[in-house]
Amino acid sequence: VQLQASGGGLVQAGGSLRLSCRASGFALNSYGAGWFRQAPGKEREFVAGISGSGGSTSYADSVKGRFGASRDNAKNTVTLQMNSLKPEDTATYYCAARPSAVVPQSANLYVYWGQGTQVTVSS
């Protein structure tokens, strides 16, 4: 069972990045998926969540209107499109999954975690 995150990188403020998270060893369509981030010296925080069907999404206030979560269950993948990036979005981003349609904001409620991918936004 594994989640593999990719797509991070260095981008200028105002730019865009697209993160992907591919699951192996289990069917992601039965799992709610979340994206979290952690900046140096800060706690891990919820960024976005998407239900197993993809019909429901939720976002942290800090990224609403700029980030969009989606999923392709045929490819066992969830994605996070990040637009209008700001320097304060700089962090390591993690994908996570839990066997429920509900995608809470608490990291403790997620079972599987990806390894993290670094996003750096320069000013």
PDB file of N, CA and C in Angstrom:
ATOM      1  N   VAL A   1       0.857  -1.190   0.000  1.00  0.00           N
ATOM      2  CA  VAL A   1       0.000   0.000   0.000  1.00  0.00           C
ATOM      3  C   VAL A   1       0.895   1.243   0.000  1.00  0.00           C
ATOM      4  N   GLN A   2       0.673   2.096  -0.968  1.00  0.00           N
ATOM      5  CA  GLN A   2       1.570   3.239  -1.102  1.00  0.00           C
ATOM      6  C   GLN A   2       0.860   4.393  -1.794  1.00  0.00           C
ATOM      7  N   LEU A   3       1.231   5.609  -1.360  1.00  0.00           N
ATOM      8  CA  LEU A   3       0.829   6.821  -2.050  1.00  0.00           C
ATOM      9  C   LEU A   3       2.101   7.503  -2.514  1.00  0.00           C
ATOM     10  N   GLN A   4       2.146   7.833  -3.781  1.00  0.00           N
ATOM     11  CA  GLN A   4       3.326   8.450  -4.363  1.00  0.00           C
ATOM     12  C   GLN A   4       2.959   9.835  -4.876  1.00  0.00           C
ATOM     13  N   ALA A   5       3.496  10.858  -4.224  1.00  0.00           N
ATOM     14  CA  ALA A   5       3.217  12.235  -4.614  1.00  0.00           C
ATOM     15  C   ALA A   5       4.306  12.752  -5.543  1.00  0.00           C
ATOM     16  N   SER A   6       3.916  13.607  -6.468  1.00  0.00           N
ATOM     17  CA  SER A   6       4.877  14.198  -7.401  1.00  0.00           C
ATOM     18  C   SER A   6       4.349  15.539  -7.876  1.00  0.00           C
ATOM     19  N   GLY A   7       5.211  16.285  -8.547  1.00  0.00           N
ATOM     20  CA  GLY A   7       4.786  17.524  -9.173  1.00  0.00           C
ATOM     21  C   GLY A   7       5.251  18.793  -8.504  1.00  0.00           C
ATOM     22  N   GLY A   8       5.936  18.671  -7.383  1.00  0.00           N
ATOM     23  CA  GLY A   8       6.419  19.869  -6.722  1.00  0.00           C
ATOM     24  C   GLY A   8       7.551  20.515  -7.493  1.00  0.00           C
ATOM     25  N   GLY A   9       7.958  21.688  -7.035  1.00  0.00           N
ATOM     26  CA  GLY A   9       9.052  22.372  -7.700  1.00  0.00           C
ATOM     27  C   GLY A   9       9.162  23.808  -7.246  1.00  0.00           C
ATOM     28  N   LEU A  10       9.955  24.561  -7.991  1.00  0.00           N
ATOM     29  CA  LEU A  10      10.177  25.974  -7.710  1.00  0.00           C
ATOM     30  C   LEU A  10       9.419  26.803  -8.730  1.00  0.00           C
ATOM     31  N   VAL A  11       8.645  27.756  -8.258  1.00  0.00           N
ATOM     32  CA  VAL A  11       7.853  28.595  -9.148  1.00  0.00           C
ATOM     33  C   VAL A  11       7.828  30.019  -8.598  1.00  0.00           C
ATOM     34  N   GLN A  12       7.683  30.981  -9.477  1.00  0.00           N
ATOM     35  CA  GLN A  12       7.572  32.368  -9.041  1.00  0.00           C
ATOM     36  C   GLN A  12       6.161  32.654  -8.546  1.00  0.00           C
ATOM     37  N   ALA A  13       6.067  33.644  -7.695  1.00  0.00           N
ATOM     38  CA  ALA A  13       4.759  34.057  -7.197  1.00  0.00           C
ATOM     39  C   ALA A  13       3.835  34.368  -8.371  1.00  0.00           C
ATOM     40  N   GLY A  14       2.605  33.919  -8.259  1.00  0.00           N
ATOM     41  CA  GLY A  14       1.636  34.080  -9.331  1.00  0.00           C
ATOM     42  C   GLY A  14       1.590  32.908 -10.297  1.00  0.00           C
ATOM     43  N   GLY A  15       2.542  32.016 -10.182  1.00  0.00           N
ATOM     44  CA  GLY A  15       2.598  30.859 -11.062  1.00  0.00           C
ATOM     45  C   GLY A  15       1.716  29.720 -10.598  1.00  0.00           C
ATOM     46  N   SER A  16       1.831  28.618 -11.316  1.00  0.00           N
ATOM     47  CA  SER A  16       0.986  27.454 -11.039  1.00  0.00           C
ATOM     48  C   SER A  16       1.824  26.178 -10.972  1.00  0.00           C
ATOM     49  N   LEU A  17       1.327  25.242 -10.207  1.00  0.00           N
ATOM     50  CA  LEU A  17       1.879  23.899 -10.160  1.00  0.00           C
ATOM     51  C   LEU A  17       0.729  22.910 -10.040  1.00  0.00           C
ATOM     52  N   ARG A  18       0.986  21.702 -10.491  1.00  0.00           N
ATOM     53  CA  ARG A  18      -0.014  20.647 -10.381  1.00  0.00           C
ATOM     54  C   ARG A  18       0.624  19.453  -9.682  1.00  0.00           C
ATOM     55  N   LEU A  19       0.093  19.125  -8.532  1.00  0.00           N
ATOM     56  CA  LEU A  19       0.579  17.975  -7.778  1.00  0.00           C
ATOM     57  C   LEU A  19      -0.282  16.753  -8.094  1.00  0.00           C
ATOM     58  N   SER A  20       0.363  15.614  -8.147  1.00  0.00           N
ATOM     59  CA  SER A  20      -0.354  14.355  -8.360  1.00  0.00           C
ATOM     60  C   SER A  20      -0.015  13.378  -7.251  1.00  0.00           C
ATOM     61  N   CYS A  21      -0.939  12.502  -6.969  1.00  0.00           N
ATOM     62  CA  CYS A  21      -0.729  11.488  -5.942  1.00  0.00           C
ATOM     63  C   CYS A  21      -1.339  10.198  -6.469  1.00  0.00           C
ATOM     64  N   ARG A  22      -0.489   9.224  -6.693  1.00  0.00           N
ATOM     65  CA  ARG A  22      -0.948   7.958  -7.241  1.00  0.00           C
ATOM     66  C   ARG A  22      -0.915   6.884  -6.169  1.00  0.00           C
ATOM     67  N   ALA A  23      -2.010   6.160  -6.064  1.00  0.00           N
ATOM     68  CA  ALA A  23      -2.108   5.085  -5.088  1.00  0.00           C
ATOM     69  C   ALA A  23      -1.760   3.753  -5.718  1.00  0.00           C
ATOM     70  N   SER A  24      -1.105   2.908  -4.960  1.00  0.00           N
ATOM     71  CA  SER A  24      -0.843   1.547  -5.403  1.00  0.00           C
ATOM     72  C   SER A  24      -1.125   0.602  -4.236  1.00  0.00           C
ATOM     73  N   GLY A  25      -1.675  -0.542  -4.556  1.00  0.00           N
ATOM     74  CA  GLY A  25      -1.975  -1.529  -3.526  1.00  0.00           C
ATOM     75  C   GLY A  25      -3.379  -1.438  -2.961  1.00  0.00           C
ATOM     76  N   PHE A  26      -4.112  -0.421  -3.351  1.00  0.00           N
ATOM     77  CA  PHE A  26      -5.509  -0.309  -2.926  1.00  0.00           C
ATOM     78  C   PHE A  26      -6.256   0.576  -3.915  1.00  0.00           C
ATOM     79  N   ALA A  27      -7.585   0.427  -3.900  1.00  0.00           N
ATOM     80  CA  ALA A  27      -8.431   1.185  -4.815  1.00  0.00           C
ATOM     81  C   ALA A  27      -8.780   2.521  -4.191  1.00  0.00           C
ATOM     82  N   LEU A  28      -8.227   3.577  -4.755  1.00  0.00           N
ATOM     83  CA  LEU A  28      -8.401   4.899  -4.168  1.00  0.00           C
ATOM     84  C   LEU A  28      -9.843   5.388  -4.224  1.00  0.00           C
ATOM     85  N   ASN A  29     -10.656   4.824  -5.108  1.00  0.00           N
ATOM     86  CA  ASN A  29     -12.029   5.308  -5.237  1.00  0.00           C
ATOM     87  C   ASN A  29     -12.878   5.004  -4.002  1.00  0.00           C
ATOM     88  N   SER A  30     -12.384   4.141  -3.122  1.00  0.00           N
ATOM     89  CA  SER A  30     -13.084   3.857  -1.881  1.00  0.00           C
ATOM     90  C   SER A  30     -12.599   4.725  -0.725  1.00  0.00           C
ATOM     91  N   TYR A  31     -11.718   5.635  -1.041  1.00  0.00           N
ATOM     92  CA  TYR A  31     -11.079   6.443  -0.010  1.00  0.00           C
ATOM     93  C   TYR A  31     -11.272   7.927  -0.259  1.00  0.00           C
ATOM     94  N   GLY A  32     -11.532   8.639   0.822  1.00  0.00           N
ATOM     95  CA  GLY A  32     -11.427  10.082   0.753  1.00  0.00           C
ATOM     96  C   GLY A  32      -9.957  10.460   0.749  1.00  0.00           C
ATOM     97  N   ALA A  33      -9.626  11.523   0.068  1.00  0.00           N
ATOM     98  CA  ALA A  33      -8.226  11.942  -0.040  1.00  0.00           C
ATOM     99  C   ALA A  33      -8.059  13.383   0.411  1.00  0.00           C
ATOM    100  N   GLY A  34      -6.956  13.626   1.070  1.00  0.00           N
ATOM    101  CA  GLY A  34      -6.666  14.978   1.529  1.00  0.00           C
ATOM    102  C   GLY A  34      -5.280  15.407   1.113  1.00  0.00           C
ATOM    103  N   TRP A  35      -5.120  16.699   1.009  1.00  0.00           N
ATOM    104  CA  TRP A  35      -3.795  17.301   0.789  1.00  0.00           C
ATOM    105  C   TRP A  35      -3.470  18.151   2.014  1.00  0.00           C
ATOM    106  N   PHE A  36      -2.266  17.976   2.490  1.00  0.00           N
ATOM    107  CA  PHE A  36      -1.779  18.724   3.640  1.00  0.00           C
ATOM    108  C   PHE A  36      -0.441  19.352   3.277  1.00  0.00           C
ATOM    109  N   ARG A  37      -0.022  20.318   4.055  1.00  0.00           N
ATOM    110  CA  ARG A  37       1.285  20.902   3.840  1.00  0.00           C
ATOM    111  C   ARG A  37       1.923  21.238   5.190  1.00  0.00           C
ATOM    112  N   GLN A  38       3.237  21.255   5.158  1.00  0.00           N
ATOM    113  CA  GLN A  38       3.978  21.595   6.371  1.00  0.00           C
ATOM    114  C   GLN A  38       5.181  22.439   5.998  1.00  0.00           C
ATOM    115  N   ALA A  39       5.206  23.635   6.555  1.00  0.00           N
ATOM    116  CA  ALA A  39       6.339  24.532   6.362  1.00  0.00           C
ATOM    117  C   ALA A  39       7.308  24.353   7.531  1.00  0.00           C
ATOM    118  N   PRO A  40       8.567  24.685   7.342  1.00  0.00           N
ATOM    119  CA  PRO A  40       9.547  24.533   8.424  1.00  0.00           C
ATOM    120  C   PRO A  40       9.118  25.277   9.686  1.00  0.00           C
ATOM    121  N   GLY A  41       9.148  24.582  10.807  1.00  0.00           N
ATOM    122  CA  GLY A  41       8.788  25.188  12.072  1.00  0.00           C
ATOM    123  C   GLY A  41       7.307  25.325  12.325  1.00  0.00           C
ATOM    124  N   LYS A  42       6.495  24.813  11.402  1.00  0.00           N
ATOM    125  CA  LYS A  42       5.042  24.923  11.556  1.00  0.00           C
ATOM    126  C   LYS A  42       4.414  23.540  11.593  1.00  0.00           C
ATOM    127  N   GLU A  43       3.203  23.495  12.098  1.00  0.00           N
ATOM    128  CA  GLU A  43       2.472  22.243  12.134  1.00  0.00           C
ATOM    129  C   GLU A  43       1.909  21.911  10.751  1.00  0.00           C
ATOM    130  N   ARG A  44       1.685  20.634  10.542  1.00  0.00           N
ATOM    131  CA  ARG A  44       1.058  20.213   9.299  1.00  0.00           C
ATOM    132  C   ARG A  44      -0.372  20.737   9.260  1.00  0.00           C
ATOM    133  N   GLU A  45      -0.764  21.286   8.120  1.00  0.00           N
ATOM    134  CA  GLU A  45      -2.094  21.864   8.009  1.00  0.00           C
ATOM    135  C   GLU A  45      -2.837  21.328   6.798  1.00  0.00           C
ATOM    136  N   PHE A  46      -4.134  21.267   6.961  1.00  0.00           N
ATOM    137  CA  PHE A  46      -5.028  20.825   5.895  1.00  0.00           C
ATOM    138  C   PHE A  46      -5.041  21.862   4.776  1.00  0.00           C
ATOM    139  N   VAL A  47      -5.022  21.380   3.548  1.00  0.00           N
ATOM    140  CA  VAL A  47      -5.094  22.257   2.385  1.00  0.00           C
ATOM    141  C   VAL A  47      -6.386  22.018   1.614  1.00  0.00           C
ATOM    142  N   ALA A  48      -6.637  20.764   1.274  1.00  0.00           N
ATOM    143  CA  ALA A  48      -7.807  20.443   0.455  1.00  0.00           C
ATOM    144  C   ALA A  48      -8.186  18.988   0.665  1.00  0.00           C
ATOM    145  N   GLY A  49      -9.454  18.693   0.411  1.00  0.00           N
ATOM    146  CA  GLY A  49      -9.917  17.319   0.515  1.00  0.00           C
ATOM    147  C   GLY A  49     -10.914  17.019  -0.582  1.00  0.00           C
ATOM    148  N   ILE A  50     -10.999  15.758  -0.964  1.00  0.00           N
ATOM    149  CA  ILE A  50     -11.943  15.345  -1.996  1.00  0.00           C
ATOM    150  C   ILE A  50     -12.488  13.982  -1.630  1.00  0.00           C
ATOM    151  N   SER A  51     -13.788  13.829  -1.774  1.00  0.00           N
ATOM    152  CA  SER A  51     -14.441  12.572  -1.426  1.00  0.00           C
ATOM    153  C   SER A  51     -14.075  11.484  -2.437  1.00  0.00           C
ATOM    154  N   GLY A  52     -14.393  10.238  -2.091  1.00  0.00           N
ATOM    155  CA  GLY A  52     -14.044   9.111  -2.952  1.00  0.00           C
ATOM    156  C   GLY A  52     -14.629   9.207  -4.357  1.00  0.00           C
ATOM    157  N   SER A  53     -15.831   9.725  -4.436  1.00  0.00           N
ATOM    158  CA  SER A  53     -16.482   9.873  -5.739  1.00  0.00           C
ATOM    159  C   SER A  53     -16.012  11.111  -6.480  1.00  0.00           C
ATOM    160  N   GLY A  54     -15.381  12.010  -5.751  1.00  0.00           N
ATOM    161  CA  GLY A  54     -14.990  13.281  -6.346  1.00  0.00           C
ATOM    162  C   GLY A  54     -16.091  14.319  -6.338  1.00  0.00           C
ATOM    163  N   GLY A  55     -17.239  13.958  -5.791  1.00  0.00           N
ATOM    164  CA  GLY A  55     -18.370  14.871  -5.833  1.00  0.00           C
ATOM    165  C   GLY A  55     -18.350  15.963  -4.782  1.00  0.00           C
ATOM    166  N   SER A  56     -17.460  15.824  -3.813  1.00  0.00           N
ATOM    167  CA  SER A  56     -17.397  16.805  -2.741  1.00  0.00           C
ATOM    168  C   SER A  56     -15.951  17.199  -2.488  1.00  0.00           C
ATOM    169  N   THR A  57     -15.719  18.486  -2.412  1.00  0.00           N
ATOM    170  CA  THR A  57     -14.382  18.991  -2.115  1.00  0.00           C
ATOM    171  C   THR A  57     -14.464  20.019  -0.989  1.00  0.00           C
ATOM    172  N   SER A  58     -13.348  20.199  -0.318  1.00  0.00           N
ATOM    173  CA  SER A  58     -13.268  21.214   0.725  1.00  0.00           C
ATOM    174  C   SER A  58     -11.872  21.810   0.701  1.00  0.00           C
ATOM    175  N   TYR A  59     -11.775  23.045   1.152  1.00  0.00           N
ATOM    176  CA  TYR A  59     -10.507  23.751   1.076  1.00  0.00           C
ATOM    177  C   TYR A  59     -10.274  24.589   2.325  1.00  0.00           C
ATOM    178  N   ALA A  60      -9.019  24.763   2.638  1.00  0.00           N
ATOM    179  CA  ALA A  60      -8.659  25.722   3.674  1.00  0.00           C
ATOM    180  C   ALA A  60      -8.945  27.120   3.146  1.00  0.00           C
ATOM    181  N   ASP A  61      -9.309  28.016   4.034  1.00  0.00           N
ATOM    182  CA  ASP A  61      -9.642  29.383   3.624  1.00  0.00           C
ATOM    183  C   ASP A  61      -8.479  30.033   2.881  1.00  0.00           C
ATOM    184  N   SER A  62      -7.271  29.681   3.251  1.00  0.00           N
ATOM    185  CA  SER A  62      -6.089  30.318   2.672  1.00  0.00           C
ATOM    186  C   SER A  62      -5.872  29.959   1.199  1.00  0.00           C
ATOM    187  N   VAL A  63      -6.520  28.898   0.725  1.00  0.00           N
ATOM    188  CA  VAL A  63      -6.299  28.480  -0.667  1.00  0.00           C
ATOM    189  C   VAL A  63      -7.585  28.495  -1.497  1.00  0.00           C
ATOM    190  N   LYS A  64      -8.699  28.816  -0.890  1.00  0.00           N
ATOM    191  CA  LYS A  64      -9.967  28.844  -1.635  1.00  0.00           C
ATOM    192  C   LYS A  64      -9.883  29.795  -2.809  1.00  0.00           C
ATOM    193  N   GLY A  65     -10.370  29.338  -3.939  1.00  0.00           N
ATOM    194  CA  GLY A  65     -10.351  30.146  -5.139  1.00  0.00           C
ATOM    195  C   GLY A  65      -9.055  30.060  -5.910  1.00  0.00           C
ATOM    196  N   ARG A  66      -8.018  29.473  -5.312  1.00  0.00           N
ATOM    197  CA  ARG A  66      -6.726  29.348  -5.990  1.00  0.00           C
ATOM    198  C   ARG A  66      -6.353  27.895  -6.263  1.00  0.00           C
ATOM    199  N   PHE A  67      -6.736  27.000  -5.377  1.00  0.00           N
ATOM    200  CA  PHE A  67      -6.395  25.575  -5.514  1.00  0.00           C
ATOM    201  C   PHE A  67      -7.645  24.783  -5.875  1.00  0.00           C
ATOM    202  N   GLY A  68      -7.442  23.697  -6.625  1.00  0.00           N
ATOM    203  CA  GLY A  68      -8.551  22.831  -6.979  1.00  0.00           C
ATOM    204  C   GLY A  68      -8.134  21.369  -6.886  1.00  0.00           C
ATOM    205  N   ALA A  69      -8.900  20.589  -6.143  1.00  0.00           N
ATOM    206  CA  ALA A  69      -8.635  19.163  -6.003  1.00  0.00           C
ATOM    207  C   ALA A  69      -9.510  18.383  -6.969  1.00  0.00           C
ATOM    208  N   SER A  70      -8.955  17.362  -7.556  1.00  0.00           N
ATOM    209  CA  SER A  70      -9.710  16.498  -8.465  1.00  0.00           C
ATOM    210  C   SER A  70      -9.161  15.084  -8.354  1.00  0.00           C
ATOM    211  N   ARG A  71      -9.831  14.163  -8.979  1.00  0.00           N
ATOM    212  CA  ARG A  71      -9.352  12.792  -8.946  1.00  0.00           C
ATOM    213  C   ARG A  71      -9.749  12.058 -10.216  1.00  0.00           C
ATOM    214  N   ASP A  72      -8.946  11.066 -10.542  1.00  0.00           N
ATOM    215  CA  ASP A  72      -9.226  10.180 -11.668  1.00  0.00           C
ATOM    216  C   ASP A  72      -9.147   8.764 -11.114  1.00  0.00           C
ATOM    217  N   ASN A  73     -10.277   8.232 -10.754  1.00  0.00           N
ATOM    218  CA  ASN A  73     -10.281   6.924 -10.105  1.00  0.00           C
ATOM    219  C   ASN A  73      -9.840   5.810 -11.044  1.00  0.00           C
ATOM    220  N   ALA A  74     -10.014   6.020 -12.332  1.00  0.00           N
ATOM    221  CA  ALA A  74      -9.542   5.012 -13.286  1.00  0.00           C
ATOM    222  C   ALA A  74      -8.018   4.898 -13.253  1.00  0.00           C
ATOM    223  N   LYS A  75      -7.369   6.007 -12.914  1.00  0.00           N
ATOM    224  CA  LYS A  75      -5.904   6.016 -12.826  1.00  0.00           C
ATOM    225  C   LYS A  75      -5.428   5.922 -11.381  1.00  0.00           C
ATOM    226  N   ASN A  76      -6.387   5.802 -10.456  1.00  0.00           N
ATOM    227  CA  ASN A  76      -6.039   5.690  -9.037  1.00  0.00           C
ATOM    228  C   ASN A  76      -5.221   6.886  -8.568  1.00  0.00           C
ATOM    229  N   THR A  77      -5.628   8.063  -9.018  1.00  0.00           N
ATOM    230  CA  THR A  77      -4.839   9.270  -8.806  1.00  0.00           C
ATOM    231  C   THR A  77      -5.711  10.425  -8.339  1.00  0.00           C
ATOM    232  N   VAL A  78      -5.156  11.219  -7.441  1.00  0.00           N
ATOM    233  CA  VAL A  78      -5.769  12.495  -7.085  1.00  0.00           C
ATOM    234  C   VAL A  78      -4.782  13.596  -7.432  1.00  0.00           C
ATOM    235  N   THR A  79      -5.291  14.766  -7.758  1.00  0.00           N
ATOM    236  CA  THR A  79      -4.438  15.873  -8.138  1.00  0.00           C
ATOM    237  C   THR A  79      -4.826  17.136  -7.372  1.00  0.00           C
ATOM    238  N   LEU A  80      -3.882  18.033  -7.276  1.00  0.00           N
ATOM    239  CA  LEU A  80      -4.110  19.334  -6.671  1.00  0.00           C
ATOM    240  C   LEU A  80      -3.555  20.385  -7.624  1.00  0.00           C
ATOM    241  N   GLN A  81      -4.433  21.125  -8.252  1.00  0.00           N
ATOM    242  CA  GLN A  81      -4.024  22.215  -9.132  1.00  0.00           C
ATOM    243  C   GLN A  81      -3.879  23.463  -8.282  1.00  0.00           C
ATOM    244  N   MET A  82      -2.696  24.055  -8.329  1.00  0.00           N
ATOM    245  CA  MET A  82      -2.413  25.221  -7.500  1.00  0.00           C
ATOM    246  C   MET A  82      -2.113  26.407  -8.410  1.00  0.00           C
ATOM    247  N   ASN A  83      -2.957  27.411  -8.347  1.00  0.00           N
ATOM    248  CA  ASN A  83      -2.804  28.611  -9.158  1.00  0.00           C
ATOM    249  C   ASN A  83      -2.558  29.827  -8.264  1.00  0.00           C
ATOM    250  N   SER A  84      -2.084  30.884  -8.880  1.00  0.00           N
ATOM    251  CA  SER A  84      -1.843  32.134  -8.163  1.00  0.00           C
ATOM    252  C   SER A  84      -1.045  31.897  -6.892  1.00  0.00           C
ATOM    253  N   LEU A  85       0.019  31.143  -7.028  1.00  0.00           N
ATOM    254  CA  LEU A  85       0.802  30.757  -5.864  1.00  0.00           C
ATOM    255  C   LEU A  85       1.463  31.959  -5.206  1.00  0.00           C
ATOM    256  N   LYS A  86       1.563  31.868  -3.896  1.00  0.00           N
ATOM    257  CA  LYS A  86       2.150  32.927  -3.081  1.00  0.00           C
ATOM    258  C   LYS A  86       3.348  32.367  -2.321  1.00  0.00           C
ATOM    259  N   PRO A  87       4.274  33.227  -1.922  1.00  0.00           N
ATOM    260  CA  PRO A  87       5.420  32.729  -1.135  1.00  0.00           C
ATOM    261  C   PRO A  87       4.991  31.964   0.118  1.00  0.00           C
ATOM    262  N   GLU A  88       3.883  32.352   0.713  1.00  0.00           N
ATOM    263  CA  GLU A  88       3.422  31.658   1.915  1.00  0.00           C
ATOM    264  C   GLU A  88       2.865  30.265   1.631  1.00  0.00           C
ATOM    265  N   ASP A  89       2.761  29.891   0.370  1.00  0.00           N
ATOM    266  CA  ASP A  89       2.368  28.521   0.017  1.00  0.00           C
ATOM    267  C   ASP A  89       3.563  27.571   0.044  1.00  0.00           C
ATOM    268  N   THR A  90       4.753  28.125   0.237  1.00  0.00           N
ATOM    269  CA  THR A  90       5.955  27.296   0.284  1.00  0.00           C
ATOM    270  C   THR A  90       5.879  26.304   1.434  1.00  0.00           C
ATOM    271  N   ALA A  91       6.026  25.034   1.102  1.00  0.00           N
ATOM    272  CA  ALA A  91       5.922  23.973   2.111  1.00  0.00           C
ATOM    273  C   ALA A  91       6.171  22.624   1.440  1.00  0.00           C
ATOM    274  N   THR A  92       6.268  21.597   2.258  1.00  0.00           N
ATOM    275  CA  THR A  92       6.219  20.238   1.747  1.00  0.00           C
ATOM    276  C   THR A  92       4.765  19.807   1.736  1.00  0.00           C
ATOM    277  N   TYR A  93       4.312  19.329   0.601  1.00  0.00           N
ATOM    278  CA  TYR A  93       2.924  18.945   0.435  1.00  0.00           C
ATOM    279  C   TYR A  93       2.792  17.425   0.479  1.00  0.00           C
ATOM    280  N   TYR A  94       1.786  16.985   1.211  1.00  0.00           N
ATOM    281  CA  TYR A  94       1.531  15.557   1.379  1.00  0.00           C
ATOM    282  C   TYR A  94       0.120  15.212   0.943  1.00  0.00           C
ATOM    283  N   CYS A  95      -0.005  14.065   0.318  1.00  0.00           N
ATOM    284  CA  CYS A  95      -1.338  13.531   0.079  1.00  0.00           C
ATOM    285  C   CYS A  95      -1.609  12.442   1.115  1.00  0.00           C
ATOM    286  N   ALA A  96      -2.869  12.263   1.412  1.00  0.00           N
ATOM    287  CA  ALA A  96      -3.261  11.287   2.416  1.00  0.00           C
ATOM    288  C   ALA A  96      -4.612  10.700   2.047  1.00  0.00           C
ATOM    289  N   ALA A  97      -4.897   9.528   2.567  1.00  0.00           N
ATOM    290  CA  ALA A  97      -6.165   8.865   2.246  1.00  0.00           C
ATOM    291  C   ALA A  97      -6.728   8.177   3.479  1.00  0.00           C
ATOM    292  N   ARG A  98      -8.033   8.085   3.520  1.00  0.00           N
ATOM    293  CA  ARG A  98      -8.711   7.385   4.600  1.00  0.00           C
ATOM    294  C   ARG A  98      -9.921   6.653   4.028  1.00  0.00           C
ATOM    295  N   PRO A  99     -10.266   5.492   4.604  1.00  0.00           N
ATOM    296  CA  PRO A  99     -11.342   4.666   4.045  1.00  0.00           C
ATOM    297  C   PRO A  99     -12.724   5.192   4.422  1.00  0.00           C
ATOM    298  N   SER A 100     -13.033   6.367   3.935  1.00  0.00           N
ATOM    299  CA  SER A 100     -14.306   6.999   4.233  1.00  0.00           C
ATOM    300  C   SER A 100     -14.587   8.054   3.180  1.00  0.00           C
ATOM    301  N   ALA A 101     -15.852   8.324   2.968  1.00  0.00           N
ATOM    302  CA  ALA A 101     -16.212   9.388   2.033  1.00  0.00           C
ATOM    303  C   ALA A 101     -15.940  10.764   2.634  1.00  0.00           C
ATOM    304  N   VAL A 102     -15.870  10.799   3.958  1.00  0.00           N
ATOM    305  CA  VAL A 102     -15.662  12.064   4.645  1.00  0.00           C
ATOM    306  C   VAL A 102     -14.184  12.422   4.626  1.00  0.00           C
ATOM    307  N   VAL A 103     -13.877  13.685   4.383  1.00  0.00           N
ATOM    308  CA  VAL A 103     -12.485  14.130   4.356  1.00  0.00           C
ATOM    309  C   VAL A 103     -12.301  15.244   5.382  1.00  0.00           C
ATOM    310  N   PRO A 104     -12.020  14.868   6.614  1.00  0.00           N
ATOM    311  CA  PRO A 104     -11.868  15.868   7.673  1.00  0.00           C
ATOM    312  C   PRO A 104     -10.552  16.619   7.547  1.00  0.00           C
ATOM    313  N   GLN A 105     -10.419  17.676   8.319  1.00  0.00           N
ATOM    314  CA  GLN A 105      -9.217  18.483   8.260  1.00  0.00           C
ATOM    315  C   GLN A 105      -8.139  18.024   9.224  1.00  0.00           C
ATOM    316  N   SER A 106      -8.464  17.065  10.071  1.00  0.00           N
ATOM    317  CA  SER A 106      -7.490  16.578  11.034  1.00  0.00           C
ATOM    318  C   SER A 106      -6.609  15.510  10.417  1.00  0.00           C
ATOM    319  N   ALA A 107      -5.305  15.745  10.419  1.00  0.00           N
ATOM    320  CA  ALA A 107      -4.364  14.800   9.832  1.00  0.00           C
ATOM    321  C   ALA A 107      -4.388  13.449  10.545  1.00  0.00           C
ATOM    322  N   ASN A 108      -4.727  13.449  11.811  1.00  0.00           N
ATOM    323  CA  ASN A 108      -4.725  12.206  12.588  1.00  0.00           C
ATOM    324  C   ASN A 108      -5.741  11.190  12.098  1.00  0.00           C
ATOM    325  N   LEU A 109      -6.717  11.639  11.320  1.00  0.00           N
ATOM    326  CA  LEU A 109      -7.789  10.751  10.868  1.00  0.00           C
ATOM    327  C   LEU A 109      -7.482  10.077   9.535  1.00  0.00           C
ATOM    328  N   TYR A 110      -6.302  10.319   8.991  1.00  0.00           N
ATOM    329  CA  TYR A 110      -5.922   9.712   7.723  1.00  0.00           C
ATOM    330  C   TYR A 110      -4.997   8.528   7.963  1.00  0.00           C
ATOM    331  N   VAL A 111      -5.171   7.509   7.154  1.00  0.00           N
ATOM    332  CA  VAL A 111      -4.479   6.242   7.371  1.00  0.00           C
ATOM    333  C   VAL A 111      -3.200   6.135   6.545  1.00  0.00           C
ATOM    334  N   TYR A 112      -3.305   6.498   5.280  1.00  0.00           N
ATOM    335  CA  TYR A 112      -2.156   6.354   4.377  1.00  0.00           C
ATOM    336  C   TYR A 112      -1.622   7.733   3.993  1.00  0.00           C
ATOM    337  N   TRP A 113      -0.296   7.817   3.903  1.00  0.00           N
ATOM    338  CA  TRP A 113       0.353   9.081   3.586  1.00  0.00           C
ATOM    339  C   TRP A 113       1.391   8.893   2.488  1.00  0.00           C
ATOM    340  N   GLY A 114       1.464   9.885   1.606  1.00  0.00           N
ATOM    341  CA  GLY A 114       2.540   9.924   0.633  1.00  0.00           C
ATOM    342  C   GLY A 114       3.793  10.480   1.269  1.00  0.00           C
ATOM    343  N   GLN A 115       4.874  10.488   0.512  1.00  0.00           N
ATOM    344  CA  GLN A 115       6.170  10.856   1.056  1.00  0.00           C
ATOM    345  C   GLN A 115       6.410  12.361   1.081  1.00  0.00           C
ATOM    346  N   GLY A 116       5.560  13.135   0.447  1.00  0.00           N
ATOM    347  CA  GLY A 116       5.733  14.575   0.429  1.00  0.00           C
ATOM    348  C   GLY A 116       6.485  15.047  -0.801  1.00  0.00           C
ATOM    349  N   THR A 117       6.090  16.203  -1.276  1.00  0.00           N
ATOM    350  CA  THR A 117       6.767  16.828  -2.413  1.00  0.00           C
ATOM    351  C   THR A 117       6.917  18.315  -2.100  1.00  0.00           C
ATOM    352  N   GLN A 118       8.095  18.851  -2.379  1.00  0.00           N
ATOM    353  CA  GLN A 118       8.419  20.218  -1.988  1.00  0.00           C
ATOM    354  C   GLN A 118       7.886  21.219  -3.004  1.00  0.00           C
ATOM    355  N   VAL A 119       7.222  22.232  -2.491  1.00  0.00           N
ATOM    356  CA  VAL A 119       6.768  23.361  -3.300  1.00  0.00           C
ATOM    357  C   VAL A 119       7.429  24.622  -2.754  1.00  0.00           C
ATOM    358  N   THR A 120       8.130  25.325  -3.616  1.00  0.00           N
ATOM    359  CA  THR A 120       8.793  26.562  -3.218  1.00  0.00           C
ATOM    360  C   THR A 120       8.337  27.674  -4.150  1.00  0.00           C
ATOM    361  N   VAL A 121       7.805  28.737  -3.553  1.00  0.00           N
ATOM    362  CA  VAL A 121       7.313  29.874  -4.319  1.00  0.00           C
ATOM    363  C   VAL A 121       8.190  31.071  -4.004  1.00  0.00           C
ATOM    364  N   SER A 122       8.845  31.590  -5.014  1.00  0.00           N
ATOM    365  CA  SER A 122       9.724  32.734  -4.816  1.00  0.00           C
ATOM    366  C   SER A 122       8.981  34.032  -5.067  1.00  0.00           C
ATOM    367  N   SER A 123       9.393  35.065  -4.366  1.00  0.00           N
ATOM    368  CA  SER A 123       8.710  36.364  -4.508  1.00  0.00           C
ATOM    369  C   SER A 123       9.349  37.213  -5.600  1.00  0.00           C
TER     370      SER A 123
END
